[in-house]
């Protein structure tokens, strides 16, 4: 009788452990299934990946190359060759047999154009091609010649001299890090860390967030005459920033001297973001720290980016575990409030800021009024791709 009782108790314990494991597995599968549903919808909406940001003709740009990265990573997670084929078609549309990148001009020294090197390195690891390797080296060469501030920070673009934007830490510096790990190029890591340290020193606000951009020359009309900073925190720029920190820290050697400073920046920004998060939806506003001001709205792209950074920050051991649960709440909030089911069964991500920047023509002054009046769209790749990547992180 006693033995039967012991066996009964052991069975209960084993069943409980199996149930908990099954629940965790189902939760992980839920996010992987969402990533696939969003990606499959994207393939219906944009059979040619280069059209995903509304382009009328093919252009090597950071938006479709980010989408290509998301599809390569989704293939790695699922072994579904349809995702790889979609990214491969995009690569072969732009990378010519001699390694030339179609529509790319190094002379523009545009950090946005470098972002595509990330997915090329990932794709080349799966399907090595000499033309991919040549294109990767071309993008690395741009960084060798990229104009810099007096402290050594990369200009955002040649047409925006002396300026560093948070956006550029993602579009350019993440490729720099991936290349340094791919080649390898160990001497590059201090320079990579320097980019974040310069930007953060100049753009950090007292509330823990960052101004969108900084003009070392103080010549731009959007820049503060004393600090050189633009006026506001923009949600997506902060999103690019925390995504970049996570991507770089994942690749950076653990004994790199500057690593602890970058980790501290990520923790500070994520803690600050929690203080301005909408408590009902778990999402964030277009201008995150002005939630109660007229015209502000819960914006999807930045919310997806923060979810990605939270989940990945936990996985790489930089953020405390509470952030993974919060990332789940964010993605659940996006699914409930921002993912619309269309009549054909596909999903659309709504309430995406189409684009925002500083300077240019027509002039963008970086004020609150400017950000809240930029065009709002749906299915923007700057939200769709980070949402896929966030779901992949939560499925691990």
Protein backbone atom coordinates (compact mmCIF):
# COMPACT_ATOMS: atom_id res chain seq x y z
CA UNK A 1 0.00 0.00 0.00
CA UNK A 2 2.80 2.40 0.91
CA UNK A 3 4.60 1.71 -2.37
CA UNK A 4 1.42 2.39 -4.33
CA UNK A 5 0.99 5.69 -2.52
CA UNK A 6 4.60 6.69 -3.32
CA UNK A 7 4.09 5.79 -6.98
CA UNK A 8 0.87 7.83 -7.00
CA UNK A 9 2.68 10.87 -5.58
CA UNK A 10 5.51 10.47 -8.12
CA UNK A 11 2.98 10.30 -10.93
CA UNK A 12 1.34 13.50 -9.71
CA UNK A 13 4.72 15.25 -9.56
CA UNK A 14 5.69 14.04 -13.04
CA UNK A 15 2.31 15.05 -14.45
CA UNK A 16 2.66 18.48 -12.87
CA UNK A 17 6.13 18.94 -14.34
CA UNK A 18 4.88 17.78 -17.76
CA UNK A 19 1.92 20.19 -17.54
CA UNK A 20 4.16 23.12 -16.68
CA UNK A 21 6.54 22.22 -19.50
CA UNK A 22 3.64 21.83 -21.89
CA UNK A 23 2.23 25.23 -20.89
CA UNK A 24 5.61 26.90 -21.42
CA UNK A 25 5.98 25.17 -24.79
CA UNK A 26 2.50 26.25 -25.86
CA UNK A 27 3.24 29.85 -24.89
CA UNK A 28 6.47 29.76 -26.91
CA UNK A 29 4.65 28.19 -29.87
CA UNK A 30 1.99 30.90 -29.67
CA UNK A 31 4.58 33.55 -30.47
CA UNK A 32 6.26 31.49 -33.18
CA UNK A 33 2.85 30.98 -34.79
CA UNK A 34 2.20 34.71 -34.64
CA UNK A 35 5.58 35.41 -36.28
CA UNK A 36 4.65 33.04 -39.10
CA UNK A 37 1.17 34.49 -39.53
CA UNK A 38 2.60 38.01 -39.78
CA UNK A 39 5.31 36.87 -42.22
CA UNK A 40 2.86 34.96 -44.40
CA UNK A 41 0.65 38.04 -44.53
CA UNK A 42 3.66 40.12 -45.51
CA UNK A 43 4.39 37.78 -48.43
CA UNK A 44 0.81 38.24 -49.64
CA UNK A 45 0.96 42.01 -49.25
CA UNK A 46 4.41 42.33 -50.86
CA UNK A 47 5.36 39.40 -53.12
CA UNK A 48 8.49 41.39 -53.98
CA UNK A 49 10.23 42.38 -50.76
CA UNK A 50 11.61 45.65 -52.10
CA UNK A 51 8.03 47.01 -52.29
CA UNK A 52 7.39 46.58 -48.54
CA UNK A 53 7.95 50.28 -47.76
CA UNK A 54 5.92 51.62 -50.66
CA UNK A 55 8.82 52.01 -53.07
CA UNK A 56 7.80 52.55 -56.69
CA UNK A 57 11.06 51.10 -58.03
CA UNK A 58 13.81 48.88 -56.58
CA UNK A 59 16.06 50.60 -54.06
CA UNK A 60 18.67 49.21 -51.67
CA UNK A 61 17.25 50.60 -48.44
CA UNK A 62 17.29 49.73 -44.74
CA UNK A 63 13.59 48.88 -44.60
CA UNK A 64 13.44 45.89 -46.98
CA UNK A 65 16.86 44.69 -45.81
CA UNK A 66 15.55 44.64 -42.23
CA UNK A 67 12.58 42.62 -43.45
CA UNK A 68 14.98 40.26 -45.21
CA UNK A 69 16.85 39.74 -41.95
CA UNK A 70 13.58 38.90 -40.17
CA UNK A 71 12.75 36.31 -42.85
CA UNK A 72 16.19 34.70 -42.67
CA UNK A 73 15.89 34.43 -38.89
CA UNK A 74 12.37 33.02 -39.24
CA UNK A 75 13.72 30.38 -41.61
CA UNK A 76 16.41 29.50 -39.06
CA UNK A 77 13.71 29.05 -36.39
CA UNK A 78 11.29 27.01 -38.52
CA UNK A 79 13.28 25.38 -41.37
CA UNK A 80 10.50 26.57 -43.68
CA UNK A 81 12.27 27.26 -46.96
CA UNK A 82 9.51 29.63 -48.14
CA UNK A 83 10.88 32.30 -45.79
CA UNK A 84 14.44 31.76 -46.98
CA UNK A 85 13.35 31.87 -50.62
CA UNK A 86 11.57 35.19 -50.08
CA UNK A 87 14.74 36.76 -48.66
CA UNK A 88 16.92 35.05 -51.26
CA UNK A 89 14.88 36.55 -54.11
CA UNK A 90 15.38 39.98 -52.63
CA UNK A 91 19.14 39.43 -52.32
CA UNK A 92 19.41 38.20 -55.89
CA UNK A 93 17.43 41.20 -57.13
CA UNK A 94 20.09 43.51 -55.73
CA UNK A 95 23.42 41.69 -55.50
CA UNK A 96 24.81 41.35 -59.00
CA UNK A 97 27.16 38.48 -60.03
CA UNK A 98 30.23 40.69 -59.53
CA UNK A 99 29.10 41.73 -56.03
CA UNK A 100 27.87 45.18 -57.04
CA UNK A 101 24.88 46.31 -54.99
CA UNK A 102 22.17 47.61 -57.28
CA UNK A 103 21.21 51.29 -56.60
CA UNK A 104 23.77 51.60 -53.78
CA UNK A 105 26.16 54.60 -53.84
CA UNK A 106 28.95 54.66 -51.28
CA UNK A 107 29.63 58.32 -52.04
CA UNK A 108 26.43 59.26 -50.19
CA UNK A 109 27.92 57.94 -46.93
CA UNK A 110 24.43 57.10 -45.74
CA UNK A 111 24.37 54.91 -42.61
CA UNK A 112 20.92 53.60 -43.58
CA UNK A 113 22.35 51.84 -46.62
CA UNK A 114 24.73 49.74 -44.49
CA UNK A 115 21.99 47.95 -42.55
CA UNK A 116 21.57 45.37 -45.32
CA UNK A 117 24.95 43.93 -44.48
CA UNK A 118 23.37 42.24 -41.47
CA UNK A 119 21.08 40.02 -43.49
CA UNK A 120 23.78 39.39 -46.12
CA UNK A 121 26.09 37.97 -43.45
CA UNK A 122 23.28 35.76 -42.13
CA UNK A 123 22.29 34.66 -45.63
CA UNK A 124 25.89 34.00 -46.66
CA UNK A 125 26.30 31.69 -43.67
CA UNK A 126 23.38 29.61 -44.95
CA UNK A 127 24.05 29.84 -48.68
CA UNK A 128 27.61 31.11 -49.29
CA UNK A 129 28.00 33.05 -52.53
CA UNK A 130 31.08 35.00 -53.64
CA UNK A 131 28.96 37.96 -54.71
CA UNK A 132 27.47 38.21 -51.20
CA UNK A 133 30.93 38.21 -49.68
CA UNK A 134 32.01 40.99 -52.05
CA UNK A 135 28.95 43.09 -51.21
CA UNK A 136 29.62 42.66 -47.49
CA UNK A 137 33.17 43.98 -47.98
CA UNK A 138 31.83 46.95 -49.94
CA UNK A 139 29.60 47.94 -47.02
CA UNK A 140 32.49 47.53 -44.60
CA UNK A 141 34.58 49.83 -46.81
CA UNK A 142 31.97 52.56 -46.46
CA UNK A 143 32.45 52.55 -42.69
CA UNK A 144 36.20 52.90 -43.15
CA UNK A 145 35.60 56.16 -45.02
CA UNK A 146 32.46 57.38 -43.23
CA UNK A 147 32.84 61.02 -42.09
CA UNK A 148 33.01 61.42 -38.31
CA UNK A 149 32.51 63.96 -35.56
CA UNK A 150 35.55 65.28 -33.73
CA UNK A 151 35.05 62.55 -31.09
CA UNK A 152 34.94 59.80 -33.70
CA UNK A 153 31.20 59.32 -34.11
CA UNK A 154 29.85 58.42 -37.55
CA UNK A 155 27.86 61.13 -39.32
CA UNK A 156 24.36 59.92 -40.04
CA UNK A 157 24.68 60.88 -43.71
CA UNK A 158 26.92 63.01 -45.88
CA UNK A 159 23.98 65.39 -46.42
CA UNK A 160 23.58 65.69 -42.63
CA UNK A 161 27.11 66.76 -41.65
CA UNK A 162 28.24 66.65 -38.00
CA UNK A 163 25.00 64.89 -36.98
CA UNK A 164 24.43 61.64 -35.10
CA UNK A 165 20.93 60.19 -34.85
CA UNK A 166 19.84 57.28 -32.67
CA UNK A 167 18.62 55.61 -35.88
CA UNK A 168 22.18 55.31 -37.18
CA UNK A 169 23.28 53.17 -34.25
CA UNK A 170 20.97 50.48 -35.60
CA UNK A 171 21.33 50.95 -39.33
CA UNK A 172 25.12 51.21 -39.39
CA UNK A 173 26.71 50.16 -36.13
CA UNK A 174 24.93 46.80 -35.83
CA UNK A 175 26.46 45.80 -39.17
CA UNK A 176 29.84 46.98 -37.91
CA UNK A 177 29.46 44.63 -34.93
CA UNK A 178 28.23 41.70 -37.01
CA UNK A 179 31.14 42.17 -39.38
CA UNK A 180 33.59 42.33 -36.46
CA UNK A 181 32.25 38.97 -35.26
CA UNK A 182 32.04 37.49 -38.79
CA UNK A 183 35.54 38.34 -40.00
CA UNK A 184 36.65 38.54 -37.10
CA UNK A 185 37.92 42.06 -36.48
CA UNK A 186 38.63 42.31 -32.73
CA UNK A 187 40.20 45.76 -32.94
CA UNK A 188 36.85 47.20 -34.07
CA UNK A 189 34.98 46.64 -30.81
CA UNK A 190 36.25 49.74 -29.03
CA UNK A 191 35.22 51.86 -32.02
CA UNK A 192 31.80 50.21 -32.03
CA UNK A 193 31.33 50.92 -28.33
CA UNK A 194 32.48 54.51 -28.88
CA UNK A 195 29.52 55.18 -31.17
CA UNK A 196 27.05 54.42 -28.37
CA UNK A 197 29.03 56.25 -25.71
CA UNK A 198 29.24 59.42 -27.79
CA UNK A 199 25.56 59.40 -28.68
CA UNK A 200 24.45 58.66 -25.16
CA UNK A 201 26.68 61.31 -23.61
CA UNK A 202 25.17 63.98 -25.84
CA UNK A 203 21.53 62.88 -26.13
CA UNK A 204 20.71 61.50 -22.67
CA UNK A 205 17.80 63.22 -20.92
CA UNK A 206 17.20 63.57 -17.20
CA UNK A 207 14.29 61.08 -17.42
CA UNK A 208 16.59 58.36 -18.76
CA UNK A 209 15.46 58.53 -22.40
CA UNK A 210 17.31 60.15 -25.32
CA UNK A 211 16.81 63.02 -27.72
CA UNK A 212 16.37 61.85 -31.31
CA UNK A 213 19.46 63.53 -32.72
CA UNK A 214 22.52 65.64 -31.98
CA UNK A 215 24.28 68.20 -34.16
CA UNK A 216 27.86 68.75 -33.07
CA UNK A 217 28.08 71.97 -35.09
CA UNK A 218 24.88 73.47 -33.58
CA UNK A 219 24.15 74.80 -37.08
CA UNK A 220 20.88 72.99 -37.74
CA UNK A 221 17.72 74.92 -36.93
CA UNK A 222 16.36 71.89 -35.05
CA UNK A 223 19.35 71.74 -32.69
CA UNK A 224 19.55 73.40 -29.29
CA UNK A 225 22.17 76.15 -29.37
CA UNK A 226 23.75 74.90 -26.13
CA UNK A 227 23.43 71.10 -26.32
CA UNK A 228 23.09 70.51 -30.06
CA UNK A 229 20.15 68.15 -29.38
CA UNK A 230 16.80 67.96 -31.11
CA UNK A 231 13.81 68.85 -28.97
CA UNK A 232 12.08 65.55 -28.25
CA UNK A 233 12.33 61.82 -27.73
CA UNK A 234 10.84 60.04 -30.73
CA UNK A 235 9.49 56.55 -30.02
CA UNK A 236 10.98 54.76 -33.00
CA UNK A 237 14.39 56.41 -32.67
CA UNK A 238 14.56 55.12 -29.10
CA UNK A 239 13.46 51.76 -30.49
CA UNK A 240 16.32 51.68 -32.97
CA UNK A 241 18.65 52.54 -30.11
CA UNK A 242 17.66 49.72 -27.75
CA UNK A 243 17.50 47.19 -30.59
CA UNK A 244 21.01 48.22 -31.59
CA UNK A 245 22.30 47.85 -28.04
CA UNK A 246 20.91 44.32 -27.83
CA UNK A 247 22.22 43.26 -31.22
CA UNK A 248 25.69 44.60 -30.47
CA UNK A 249 25.86 43.19 -26.94
CA UNK A 250 24.87 39.76 -28.24
CA UNK A 251 27.96 39.77 -30.45
CA UNK A 252 30.43 41.75 -28.32
CA UNK A 253 33.10 39.76 -26.42
CA UNK A 254 32.22 39.40 -22.74
CA UNK A 255 35.60 40.80 -21.71
CA UNK A 256 35.39 43.93 -23.88
CA UNK A 257 36.24 46.83 -21.49
CA UNK A 258 33.33 49.05 -22.60
CA UNK A 259 30.73 46.29 -22.41
CA UNK A 260 29.54 47.14 -18.90
CA UNK A 261 28.86 50.74 -19.94
CA UNK A 262 26.67 49.63 -22.85
CA UNK A 263 24.82 47.20 -20.60
CA UNK A 264 24.16 50.02 -18.13
CA UNK A 265 22.78 52.23 -20.93
CA UNK A 266 20.36 49.50 -22.03
CA UNK A 267 19.13 48.92 -18.48
CA UNK A 268 18.66 52.65 -17.90
CA UNK A 269 16.66 53.22 -21.07
CA UNK A 270 14.47 50.16 -20.56
CA UNK A 271 13.74 51.18 -16.98
CA UNK A 272 12.83 54.67 -18.20
CA UNK A 273 10.52 53.24 -20.86
CA UNK A 274 8.57 51.30 -18.25
CA UNK A 275 7.74 54.57 -16.49
CA UNK A 276 6.02 55.97 -19.60
CA UNK A 277 4.33 52.78 -20.83
CA UNK A 278 0.55 52.81 -21.28
CA UNK A 279 -0.79 50.67 -18.40
CA UNK A 280 -3.84 49.39 -20.28
CA UNK A 281 -2.36 48.27 -23.60
CA UNK A 282 1.31 47.90 -22.52
CA UNK A 283 2.23 49.93 -25.62
CA UNK A 284 3.99 53.28 -26.07
CA UNK A 285 3.18 56.64 -27.59
CA UNK A 286 4.69 58.25 -30.67
CA UNK A 287 6.39 60.73 -28.32
CA UNK A 288 6.79 58.36 -25.37
CA UNK A 289 7.25 60.81 -22.51
CA UNK A 290 4.35 63.10 -23.49
CA UNK A 291 1.55 60.56 -23.29
CA UNK A 292 -1.10 62.98 -22.02
CA UNK A 293 -0.50 65.70 -24.60
CA UNK A 294 -3.06 66.37 -27.30
CA UNK A 295 -2.61 64.47 -30.55
CA UNK A 296 -0.25 61.81 -29.24
CA UNK A 297 -1.15 58.20 -30.11
CA UNK A 298 -0.09 54.66 -29.29
CA UNK A 299 2.40 53.82 -32.02
CA UNK A 300 3.05 50.27 -33.21
CA UNK A 301 6.60 50.30 -34.58
CA UNK A 302 8.28 51.56 -31.44
CA UNK A 303 6.23 49.19 -29.28
CA UNK A 304 7.37 46.19 -31.36
CA UNK A 305 10.98 47.36 -31.10
CA UNK A 306 10.82 47.68 -27.33
CA UNK A 307 9.33 44.18 -27.07
CA UNK A 308 12.22 42.81 -29.10
CA UNK A 309 14.79 44.59 -26.94
CA UNK A 310 13.15 43.40 -23.72
CA UNK A 311 13.02 39.75 -24.78
CA UNK A 312 16.49 39.72 -26.28
CA UNK A 313 17.98 41.68 -23.39
CA UNK A 314 16.81 38.92 -21.04
CA UNK A 315 18.11 36.15 -23.31
CA UNK A 316 21.60 37.63 -23.52
CA UNK A 317 21.72 38.11 -19.77
CA UNK A 318 21.68 41.92 -19.61
CA UNK A 319 18.09 42.61 -18.45
CA UNK A 320 16.36 41.01 -15.46
CA UNK A 321 13.89 38.21 -16.20
CA UNK A 322 10.83 40.39 -15.51
CA UNK A 323 11.36 41.99 -18.92
CA UNK A 324 10.53 38.78 -20.79
CA UNK A 325 7.08 38.72 -19.21
CA UNK A 326 6.71 42.39 -20.07
CA UNK A 327 7.72 41.69 -23.68
CA UNK A 328 4.96 39.08 -23.81
CA UNK A 329 2.46 41.66 -22.57
CA UNK A 330 3.61 44.11 -25.24
CA UNK A 331 3.26 41.60 -28.07
CA UNK A 332 -0.11 40.51 -26.68
CA UNK A 333 -1.11 44.19 -26.64
CA UNK A 334 -0.03 44.63 -30.25
CA UNK A 335 -2.00 41.55 -31.23
CA UNK A 336 -5.13 42.77 -29.44
CA UNK A 337 -5.07 46.47 -30.29
CA UNK A 338 -2.92 46.88 -33.41
CA UNK A 339 -3.17 43.73 -35.54
CA UNK A 340 -6.21 43.83 -37.82
CA UNK A 341 -7.53 40.80 -39.67
CA UNK A 342 -8.32 41.67 -43.29
CA UNK A 343 -11.12 40.22 -45.42
CA UNK A 344 -8.63 37.88 -47.13
CA UNK A 345 -7.49 36.51 -43.75
CA UNK A 346 -4.16 38.30 -43.71
CA UNK A 347 -3.01 40.44 -40.80
CA UNK A 348 -2.16 44.14 -40.95
CA UNK A 349 -0.22 46.11 -38.35
CA UNK A 350 -1.97 49.48 -37.96
CA UNK A 351 -0.98 52.83 -36.41
CA UNK A 352 2.58 52.88 -37.72
CA UNK A 353 4.40 56.17 -38.11
CA UNK A 354 5.40 56.10 -41.77
CA UNK A 355 8.59 58.13 -41.47
CA UNK A 356 10.18 60.85 -39.37
CA UNK A 357 13.53 62.56 -39.34
CA UNK A 358 15.35 65.84 -38.81
CA UNK A 359 16.19 68.59 -41.28
CA UNK A 360 15.88 67.88 -44.98
CA UNK A 361 13.52 69.46 -47.48
CA UNK A 362 10.75 70.07 -46.53
CA UNK A 363 12.36 70.90 -43.21
CA UNK A 364 11.60 68.65 -40.22
CA UNK A 365 12.07 70.58 -36.99
CA UNK A 366 11.88 67.69 -34.50
CA UNK A 367 9.20 69.33 -32.37
CA UNK A 368 6.30 67.53 -30.69
CA UNK A 369 3.90 68.99 -33.24
CA UNK A 370 6.05 67.65 -36.07
CA UNK A 371 6.14 64.05 -34.78
CA UNK A 372 2.43 63.72 -34.08
CA UNK A 373 1.53 65.00 -37.55
CA UNK A 374 3.74 62.69 -39.58
CA UNK A 375 1.74 60.30 -41.76
CA UNK A 376 0.30 57.18 -40.10
CA UNK A 377 0.15 53.97 -42.14
CA UNK A 378 -0.24 50.22 -41.81
CA UNK A 379 2.09 47.28 -42.44
CA UNK A 380 5.19 49.43 -42.19
CA UNK A 381 8.28 47.19 -42.35
CA UNK A 382 9.81 49.16 -39.47
CA UNK A 383 7.08 47.62 -37.34
CA UNK A 384 6.37 44.32 -39.09
CA UNK A 385 10.00 43.13 -39.08
CA UNK A 386 10.63 44.00 -35.39
CA UNK A 387 7.36 42.29 -34.48
CA UNK A 388 8.51 39.10 -36.22
CA UNK A 389 11.87 39.34 -34.46
CA UNK A 390 10.23 39.98 -31.09
CA UNK A 391 8.02 36.91 -31.53
CA UNK A 392 11.06 34.83 -32.42
CA UNK A 393 12.79 35.94 -29.23
CA UNK A 394 9.72 35.01 -27.20
CA UNK A 395 9.55 31.59 -28.86
CA UNK A 396 13.00 30.62 -27.60
